[in-house]
Structures are given as C-alpha cells and as structure tokens.
Protein backbone atom coordinates (compact mmCIF):
# COMPACT_ATOMS: atom_id res chain seq x y z
CA MET A 1 102.24 121.67 67.86
CA SER A 2 102.68 125.33 69.08
CA ALA A 3 105.98 126.89 68.17
CA ASP A 4 106.51 127.85 71.94
CA LEU A 5 105.60 124.42 73.26
CA THR A 6 108.31 121.83 73.54
CA ASP A 7 109.03 118.83 75.66
CA ASP A 8 111.11 121.13 78.04
CA SER A 9 107.97 123.35 78.63
CA VAL A 10 106.60 123.31 82.19
CA ILE A 11 102.87 123.57 81.97
CA ARG A 12 100.53 124.57 84.73
CA PHE A 13 96.85 125.55 85.16
CA ALA A 14 96.19 129.13 84.37
CA ARG A 15 95.31 131.39 87.27
CA GLY A 16 91.85 130.60 88.76
CA VAL A 17 91.69 127.21 86.96
CA ARG A 18 91.85 123.96 88.77
CA LEU A 19 91.25 120.25 88.33
CA GLN A 20 88.86 118.72 90.87
CA HIS A 21 87.54 115.27 91.42
CA ASP A 22 83.68 115.05 91.73
CA ARG A 23 83.30 112.34 94.08
CA VAL A 24 79.50 111.99 93.72
CA ARG A 25 79.73 111.65 89.86
CA GLU A 26 83.17 110.01 90.05
CA ARG A 27 84.59 112.19 87.35
CA TRP A 28 87.22 114.86 87.01
CA ILE A 29 86.21 118.45 86.32
CA ILE A 30 88.20 121.50 85.19
CA GLN A 31 86.92 124.45 86.97
CA ALA A 32 87.52 127.86 85.69
CA PRO A 33 86.05 131.31 86.26
CA GLU A 34 82.53 131.29 84.91
CA ARG A 35 83.04 128.00 83.04
CA ALA A 36 83.78 124.29 83.52
CA PHE A 37 85.01 121.42 81.36
CA ILE A 38 84.57 117.76 81.76
CA PRO A 39 87.70 116.04 80.48
CA ASP A 40 87.52 112.55 79.13
CA PRO A 41 89.28 109.94 81.10
CA ILE A 42 92.43 110.04 79.05
CA ALA A 43 92.68 113.85 79.37
CA ALA A 44 92.04 113.51 83.00
CA GLU A 45 95.15 111.21 83.29
CA VAL A 46 97.29 113.83 81.64
CA LEU A 47 95.92 116.66 83.76
CA ARG A 48 96.36 114.89 86.97
CA LEU A 49 100.18 115.12 86.16
CA VAL A 50 100.18 118.88 85.61
CA ASP A 51 101.81 120.31 88.71
CA GLY A 52 103.73 123.32 87.51
CA THR A 53 107.02 121.54 88.13
CA ARG A 54 107.15 118.71 85.66
CA THR A 55 108.15 119.30 82.11
CA LEU A 56 105.85 118.20 79.31
CA GLY A 57 108.54 115.63 78.26
CA GLN A 58 108.41 114.14 81.91
CA ILE A 59 104.68 113.90 81.68
CA ILE A 60 104.78 112.20 78.35
CA ALA A 61 107.42 109.79 79.42
CA ASP A 62 105.44 108.95 82.70
CA LEU A 63 102.21 108.28 80.56
CA ALA A 64 104.21 106.17 78.09
CA SER A 65 105.63 104.07 80.87
CA ARG A 66 102.36 103.65 82.78
CA PHE A 67 100.45 102.67 79.62
CA ALA A 68 103.12 100.80 77.85
CA ALA A 69 102.74 103.00 74.69
CA PRO A 70 105.26 104.48 72.32
CA VAL A 71 106.58 107.92 73.43
CA ASP A 72 106.13 109.42 70.07
CA VAL A 73 102.41 108.49 69.82
CA ILE A 74 101.72 109.63 73.40
CA GLY A 75 103.75 112.82 72.71
CA ARG A 76 101.73 113.75 69.73
CA ASP A 77 98.50 113.35 71.43
CA VAL A 78 99.61 115.10 74.62
CA HIS A 79 101.01 118.07 72.63
CA VAL A 80 97.59 118.34 70.68
CA MET A 81 95.54 118.30 73.92
CA VAL A 82 97.88 120.76 75.71
CA ASN A 83 97.80 123.20 72.80
CA ASP A 84 94.03 123.02 72.73
CA LEU A 85 93.84 123.69 76.40
CA MET A 86 96.21 126.63 76.16
CA THR A 87 94.14 128.07 73.38
CA ARG A 88 91.11 127.77 75.83
CA GLN A 89 93.32 129.48 78.61
CA VAL A 90 93.13 126.56 80.75
CA LEU A 91 96.80 125.70 80.77
CA VAL A 92 99.90 128.04 80.47
CA ALA A 93 103.57 127.27 79.92
C-alpha cells in the first residue's frame, strides 16, 4: 500500500484517461494517450465506481456489500490494484 493512499483518498482517472465500454466486444477498456488497457472483470467493477468524488473506503464498502465479501479482504485487493494503476499513471489521488 502506498504511504499516500488511504481509505480517505479520493481517486480519479488521470488527465486524458477514461474507462469506456466496448459494446462490440462486450468488455471495458481503459483508454489513455497512446496506450490502452483491458481490465479483468473484477478490476472493471472497481473502476466503474471511480468518479472523482467517492473515497477509496466508500468504493471498498460498496464492493464488499455488493459481493458479500469481508471489507478487509476487498480493501487489500483494491489498494493493491489502485496502487498499480497509480504507478502506471492511470489513476491519481
């Protein structure tokens, strides 16, 4: 977990990055300048909640409720994923 990233952090997509649904292929795509990523279905569920207003804790709580999973387990996984995407300059806090 990044020292700067907490459950109170509000995350958003970096400038020029967006999440878009590809209706032809029925999958989500992260589009960024001169690159694209195809998130797995679980990552796509997390990214669909990134709106620049919700805290990371709110996103984690929403996912834990929706999937009836322990908050601490979901939290660890989401923090790892968000840190990875911050390193790739897809997300910012």
